[in-house]
Protein backbone atom coordinates (compact mmCIF):
# COMPACT_ATOMS: atom_id res chain seq x y z
CA MET A 1 -9.04 4.90 13.47
CA PRO A 2 -9.70 6.95 10.32
CA ASN A 3 -12.21 9.78 10.57
CA PRO A 4 -15.62 8.09 9.98
CA LEU A 5 -17.14 11.14 8.26
CA LEU A 6 -14.34 11.30 5.73
CA MET A 7 -14.47 7.54 5.23
CA ALA A 8 -18.20 7.86 4.51
CA ALA A 9 -17.41 10.64 2.04
CA ALA A 10 -14.94 8.33 0.32
CA ARG A 11 -17.85 6.03 -0.54
CA SER A 12 -20.35 8.75 -1.40
CA PRO A 13 -21.00 9.48 -5.11
CA ARG A 14 -22.44 12.90 -4.17
CA ALA A 15 -19.35 13.83 -2.14
CA ARG A 16 -17.17 12.63 -5.01
CA ARG A 17 -18.98 14.94 -7.44
CA LEU A 18 -18.70 17.93 -5.10
CA ILE A 19 -15.05 17.50 -4.17
CA THR A 20 -13.74 16.62 -7.61
CA ALA A 21 -15.57 19.66 -9.05
CA VAL A 22 -13.49 22.08 -6.93
CA PRO A 23 -10.65 23.27 -9.23
CA VAL A 24 -8.07 23.48 -6.45
CA THR A 25 -8.65 19.87 -5.41
CA ARG A 26 -6.47 18.57 -8.21
CA LYS A 27 -3.55 20.70 -7.01
CA VAL A 28 -3.91 19.33 -3.49
CA VAL A 29 -4.22 15.78 -4.78
CA ASP A 30 -0.85 16.19 -6.49
CA ARG A 31 0.74 16.09 -3.04
CA PHE A 32 -0.38 12.47 -2.60
CA VAL A 33 -0.83 11.19 -6.17
CA ALA A 34 2.04 11.12 -8.68
CA GLY A 35 0.01 12.02 -11.76
CA GLU A 36 -2.74 10.36 -13.74
CA GLY A 37 -0.63 8.39 -16.21
CA PRO A 38 2.34 6.02 -16.14
CA ALA A 39 4.72 8.59 -17.64
CA GLN A 40 4.20 10.94 -14.68
CA ALA A 41 4.45 8.06 -12.21
CA LEU A 42 7.71 6.86 -13.76
CA GLU A 43 9.14 10.40 -13.62
CA ALA A 44 8.28 10.59 -9.92
CA THR A 45 9.79 7.14 -9.42
CA GLN A 46 13.06 8.18 -11.02
CA ARG A 47 13.30 11.27 -8.79
CA LEU A 48 12.79 9.14 -5.69
CA LEU A 49 15.33 6.56 -6.82
CA ASP A 50 17.83 9.34 -7.48
CA ASP A 51 17.35 10.39 -3.84
CA GLY A 52 18.29 6.91 -2.65
CA LEU A 53 14.74 5.75 -1.95
CA LEU A 54 12.98 2.58 -3.06
CA VAL A 55 9.52 2.63 -4.66
CA THR A 56 6.34 0.60 -4.94
CA LEU A 57 3.86 1.74 -7.60
CA ASP A 58 0.08 1.46 -7.24
CA LEU A 59 -2.32 2.08 -10.13
CA LEU A 60 -5.35 3.58 -8.42
CA GLY A 61 -8.71 1.91 -8.86
CA GLU A 62 -10.78 -0.57 -6.90
CA ASP A 63 -14.18 -2.27 -6.89
CA THR A 64 -13.87 -3.17 -10.56
CA ARG A 65 -17.25 -4.41 -11.77
CA SER A 66 -16.57 -5.68 -15.31
CA THR A 67 -14.23 -8.27 -16.79
CA ASP A 68 -13.06 -5.79 -19.43
CA GLN A 69 -12.13 -3.25 -16.76
CA ALA A 70 -10.27 -5.88 -14.73
CA ARG A 71 -8.40 -7.01 -17.83
CA GLY A 72 -7.50 -3.40 -18.60
CA VAL A 73 -5.95 -2.93 -15.14
CA ARG A 74 -3.93 -6.12 -15.61
CA ASP A 75 -2.69 -4.88 -18.97
CA ALA A 76 -1.73 -1.52 -17.46
CA TYR A 77 0.38 -3.25 -14.81
CA VAL A 78 2.06 -5.44 -17.42
CA ALA A 79 2.97 -2.36 -19.46
CA LEU A 80 4.26 -0.58 -16.35
CA LEU A 81 6.45 -3.54 -15.39
CA GLU A 82 7.87 -3.70 -18.89
CA GLN A 83 8.81 -0.03 -18.52
CA LEU A 84 10.50 -0.65 -15.17
CA GLY A 85 12.53 -3.42 -16.76
CA ALA A 86 13.42 -1.37 -19.82
CA ARG A 87 14.58 1.54 -17.67
CA GLY A 88 16.80 -0.69 -15.57
CA VAL A 89 15.15 0.25 -12.27
CA ALA A 90 13.21 -2.93 -11.52
CA ASP A 91 15.64 -3.91 -8.79
CA ARG A 92 14.55 -0.84 -6.82
CA ALA A 93 10.92 -0.36 -7.86
CA GLU A 94 8.13 -2.92 -7.49
CA VAL A 95 4.33 -2.74 -7.85
CA SER A 96 1.43 -3.00 -5.42
CA VAL A 97 -1.87 -4.47 -6.63
CA LYS A 98 -5.38 -4.33 -5.19
CA LEU A 99 -7.21 -7.54 -6.05
CA SER A 100 -10.51 -5.69 -6.28
CA ALA A 101 -9.03 -3.73 -9.21
CA ILE A 102 -8.33 -6.91 -11.17
CA GLY A 103 -11.64 -8.68 -10.63
CA GLN A 104 -11.87 -10.01 -7.06
CA LEU A 105 -15.39 -8.62 -6.53
CA LEU A 106 -16.85 -9.79 -9.82
CA PRO A 107 -19.87 -12.06 -9.25
CA GLY A 108 -19.29 -15.78 -9.34
CA ASP A 109 -15.64 -16.55 -9.95
CA GLY A 110 -14.18 -13.12 -9.13
CA GLU A 111 -11.47 -14.54 -6.88
CA GLN A 112 -10.26 -16.86 -9.64
CA VAL A 113 -10.34 -14.03 -12.19
CA ALA A 114 -8.21 -11.90 -9.87
CA LEU A 115 -5.83 -14.81 -9.26
CA ALA A 116 -5.36 -15.36 -13.01
CA HIS A 117 -4.69 -11.66 -13.59
CA ALA A 118 -2.32 -11.53 -10.62
CA ARG A 119 -0.40 -14.50 -12.05
CA ASP A 120 0.05 -12.59 -15.31
CA ILE A 121 1.34 -9.56 -13.39
CA CYS A 122 3.72 -11.69 -11.33
CA THR A 123 5.04 -13.42 -14.44
CA CYS A 124 5.85 -10.04 -15.97
CA ALA A 125 7.38 -8.81 -12.70
CA GLU A 126 9.66 -11.84 -12.52
CA LYS A 127 10.77 -11.29 -16.11
CA ALA A 128 11.50 -7.62 -15.33
CA GLY A 129 13.43 -8.54 -12.19
CA THR A 130 11.14 -7.10 -9.54
CA THR A 131 8.41 -8.10 -7.10
CA VAL A 132 4.70 -7.62 -6.43
CA THR A 133 2.90 -6.87 -3.17
CA ILE A 134 -0.81 -7.69 -2.93
CA ASP A 135 -2.59 -4.88 -1.10
CA MET A 136 -5.18 -5.53 1.60
CA GLU A 137 -8.59 -3.89 1.60
CA ASP A 138 -11.48 -4.00 4.07
CA HIS A 139 -12.02 -6.94 6.43
CA THR A 140 -14.54 -8.68 4.17
CA THR A 141 -11.77 -9.40 1.64
CA VAL A 142 -9.02 -10.66 3.97
CA ASP A 143 -9.63 -14.42 3.64
CA SER A 144 -9.97 -14.19 -0.13
CA THR A 145 -6.86 -12.03 -0.44
CA LEU A 146 -4.72 -14.35 1.67
CA ARG A 147 -5.94 -17.36 -0.36
CA VAL A 148 -4.78 -15.61 -3.52
CA VAL A 149 -1.42 -14.75 -1.92
CA ARG A 150 -0.85 -18.37 -0.89
CA ALA A 151 -1.75 -19.58 -4.38
CA LEU A 152 0.62 -17.08 -6.00
CA ARG A 153 3.48 -18.01 -3.66
CA VAL A 154 3.51 -21.57 -5.02
CA ASP A 155 5.16 -20.22 -8.17
CA PHE A 156 6.26 -16.79 -6.93
CA PRO A 157 7.43 -17.17 -3.31
CA TRP A 158 8.52 -13.51 -3.22
CA VAL A 159 4.96 -12.15 -3.49
CA GLY A 160 4.31 -9.70 -0.66
CA ALA A 161 1.20 -9.56 1.52
CA VAL A 162 -0.28 -6.75 3.61
CA LEU A 163 -1.67 -7.10 7.14
CA GLN A 164 -3.56 -4.44 9.12
CA SER A 165 -2.91 -4.08 12.84
CA CYS A 166 -6.39 -2.65 13.45
CA LEU A 167 -7.97 -6.05 12.79
CA LEU A 168 -8.34 -8.40 15.74
CA ARG A 169 -7.20 -11.38 13.69
CA THR A 170 -3.91 -9.90 12.52
CA GLU A 171 -1.61 -11.13 15.29
CA GLN A 172 -2.46 -14.71 14.34
CA ASP A 173 -2.06 -13.90 10.66
CA CYS A 174 1.41 -12.53 11.47
CA ARG A 175 2.34 -15.80 13.20
CA ASP A 176 1.07 -17.80 10.22
CA LEU A 177 2.96 -15.70 7.67
CA ALA A 178 6.25 -14.86 9.46
CA HIS A 179 8.12 -17.69 7.76
CA ASP A 180 11.30 -17.76 5.70
CA GLY A 181 11.08 -15.62 2.56
CA SER A 182 7.68 -14.14 3.43
CA ARG A 183 7.43 -10.43 2.65
CA ILE A 184 4.84 -8.78 4.93
CA ARG A 185 3.86 -5.11 4.87
CA LEU A 186 2.38 -4.14 8.23
CA VAL A 187 -0.01 -1.17 8.17
CA LYS A 188 -2.44 0.23 10.71
CA GLY A 189 -5.40 0.06 8.33
CA ALA A 190 -7.22 2.72 6.32
CA TYR A 191 -10.80 1.42 6.46
CA ASP A 192 -13.56 2.20 8.94
CA GLU A 193 -14.05 -1.29 10.38
CA PRO A 194 -16.71 -2.40 12.91
CA ALA A 195 -15.81 -3.11 16.53
CA SER A 196 -16.70 -6.77 16.05
CA VAL A 197 -13.56 -7.28 13.95
CA ALA A 198 -11.28 -4.34 14.71
CA HIS A 199 -9.74 -2.14 17.37
CA ARG A 200 -11.53 1.20 17.26
CA GLU A 201 -9.26 3.41 19.36
CA LYS A 202 -5.97 4.76 18.02
CA ALA A 203 -4.07 3.73 21.14
CA GLU A 204 -5.27 0.14 20.76
CA VAL A 205 -4.36 0.07 17.07
CA ASP A 206 -0.87 1.33 17.93
CA LYS A 207 -0.41 -1.29 20.67
CA ALA A 208 -1.55 -3.99 18.26
CA TYR A 209 0.91 -2.67 15.68
CA VAL A 210 3.80 -3.12 18.13
CA ARG A 211 2.65 -6.64 19.03
CA CYS A 212 2.49 -7.55 15.35
CA LEU A 213 5.92 -5.98 14.77
CA GLU A 214 7.35 -8.13 17.56
CA ILE A 215 6.02 -11.27 15.87
CA LEU A 216 7.34 -10.28 12.44
CA MET A 217 10.78 -9.19 13.67
CA ALA A 218 11.14 -12.42 15.65
CA GLY A 219 10.12 -14.47 12.61
CA ALA A 220 12.09 -15.55 9.56
CA GLY A 221 10.31 -13.33 7.04
CA TYR A 222 11.00 -9.85 5.67
CA PRO A 223 8.98 -7.19 7.55
CA MET A 224 7.95 -4.07 5.65
CA VAL A 225 7.19 -1.48 8.33
CA ALA A 226 4.60 0.87 6.82
CA THR A 227 4.11 3.77 9.22
CA HIS A 228 4.67 7.51 9.47
CA ASP A 229 4.67 7.41 13.28
CA PRO A 230 8.17 8.30 14.62
CA VAL A 231 7.54 6.29 17.79
CA LEU A 232 6.79 3.16 15.76
CA VAL A 233 9.76 3.78 13.46
CA GLU A 234 12.04 3.87 16.49
CA ARG A 235 10.39 0.82 18.02
CA ALA A 236 10.84 -1.13 14.79
CA ASP A 237 14.58 -0.42 14.83
CA GLN A 238 14.78 -1.48 18.49
CA LEU A 239 13.00 -4.77 17.80
CA ALA A 240 15.22 -5.43 14.81
CA GLN A 241 18.30 -5.00 17.00
CA GLU A 242 16.84 -7.18 19.75
CA HIS A 243 16.32 -9.99 17.25
CA GLY A 244 19.72 -9.62 15.62
CA ARG A 245 18.50 -8.30 12.30
CA ASP A 246 20.70 -6.23 10.04
CA ARG A 247 19.27 -3.32 8.06
CA SER A 248 18.96 -5.34 4.87
CA SER A 249 16.47 -7.74 6.48
CA TYR A 250 13.57 -5.28 6.80
CA GLU A 251 12.43 -1.96 5.39
CA PHE A 252 10.34 1.09 6.14
CA GLN A 253 7.54 2.26 3.88
CA MET A 254 5.77 5.62 3.72
CA LEU A 255 3.29 7.23 1.37
CA TYR A 256 4.29 9.58 -1.42
CA GLY A 257 4.09 13.15 -0.19
CA ILE A 258 3.91 12.42 3.54
CA ARG A 259 6.83 13.08 5.94
CA VAL A 260 9.22 13.50 3.03
CA PRO A 261 12.15 14.78 5.17
CA GLU A 262 11.84 11.67 7.35
CA GLN A 263 11.96 9.50 4.25
CA TRP A 264 15.20 11.20 3.21
CA ARG A 265 16.61 10.88 6.75
CA LEU A 266 15.96 7.16 6.93
CA ALA A 267 17.45 6.55 3.49
CA ALA A 268 20.51 8.67 4.29
CA SER A 269 21.06 6.67 7.49
CA GLY A 270 21.41 3.45 5.53
CA ARG A 271 17.96 2.05 6.15
CA ARG A 272 15.86 0.63 3.35
CA MET A 273 13.11 3.22 2.78
CA ARG A 274 10.39 2.53 0.20
CA VAL A 275 7.85 5.11 -0.98
CA TYR A 276 4.32 4.02 -1.92
CA VAL A 277 3.64 5.91 -5.15
CA ALA A 278 0.00 5.97 -6.22
CA TYR A 279 -1.04 7.22 -9.64
CA GLY A 280 -4.06 7.17 -11.94
CA ASP A 281 -7.22 9.12 -12.65
CA ASP A 282 -9.37 7.17 -10.17
CA TRP A 283 -7.80 8.99 -7.23
CA TYR A 284 -10.84 10.04 -5.19
CA GLY A 285 -11.15 7.11 -2.75
CA TYR A 286 -7.41 7.00 -2.13
CA PHE A 287 -7.29 10.77 -1.55
CA MET A 288 -10.16 10.72 0.94
CA ARG A 289 -8.57 7.90 2.93
CA ARG A 290 -5.36 9.93 3.18
CA LEU A 291 -7.38 12.83 4.58
CA ALA A 292 -9.21 10.52 6.97
CA GLU A 293 -6.01 9.06 8.41
CA ARG A 294 -4.41 12.26 9.70
CA PRO A 295 -5.86 15.59 10.88
CA ALA A 296 -2.78 17.31 9.45
CA ASN A 297 -3.82 16.21 5.97
CA VAL A 298 -7.28 17.72 6.43
CA ALA A 299 -5.76 20.99 7.64
CA PHE A 300 -3.47 21.03 4.60
CA PHE A 301 -6.47 20.54 2.29
CA LEU A 302 -8.54 23.27 3.97
CA ARG A 303 -5.66 25.75 3.94
CA SER A 304 -5.21 25.12 0.24
CA LEU A 305 -8.89 25.78 -0.44
CA VAL A 306 -8.83 29.04 1.53
CA SER A 307 -5.62 30.28 -0.04
CA LYS A 308 -6.83 29.95 -3.62
């Protein structure tokens, strides 16, 4: 599970002020975040595409608390998708959307606000010739998020969903969603969840990930294997072979700036390898979760602070 202290820091306004005030932080953040604006994100996208990789773009921001802010995020995604279409790269670059960024947590009808905004984004994505994956957040949002995904798939059956192996419910969710045409990104989970709903030990999360992979590879959907773990990458390939899948029927996904040589290796070997490219000025929570996930990321951050 992610480091609980760093996850607490991700939610702390005081920690945010302290960390973002350190001048070198921005340089370290650049390893994981492809700039603050769409121009920088699109430049990074083009470099990745030129290397034979696929891309999914995420405009950072979550826990939107006003309708104007939610509408602004929707508009930013629409503009980004128009750019992907205009550049002729929409067949290789999609977008990922957090529902909390487009209104899910607004009081009252937040779920319906998010659904309406997501429909607008999906309409633009379809026009551009690409797809949308709806990101998953902490366990309190899972039911709402899956309701929105199901509603979107009535008109946009290609909409992707994300499931987290750390949650106890996820194996059943995999069974429910592993149907024909269903795009499912399987992740371990980047939130500090309670033991009542989640596996707390890394070994248990990994075992659950493999069980979920088995369900998805045996199903009729399109698994998106989001992991940096070489053991799980190898296991995914083994399961695909066992179930008679060719390499076009699933893909690997990794985060921008993490295990880059492995991303190149997988792409060069003929596998579909998609990079999750986050961008935007609201990078703090995303950055802290990346540190919390892997000790190597923390060591990288501390070395950078000492060396400056």
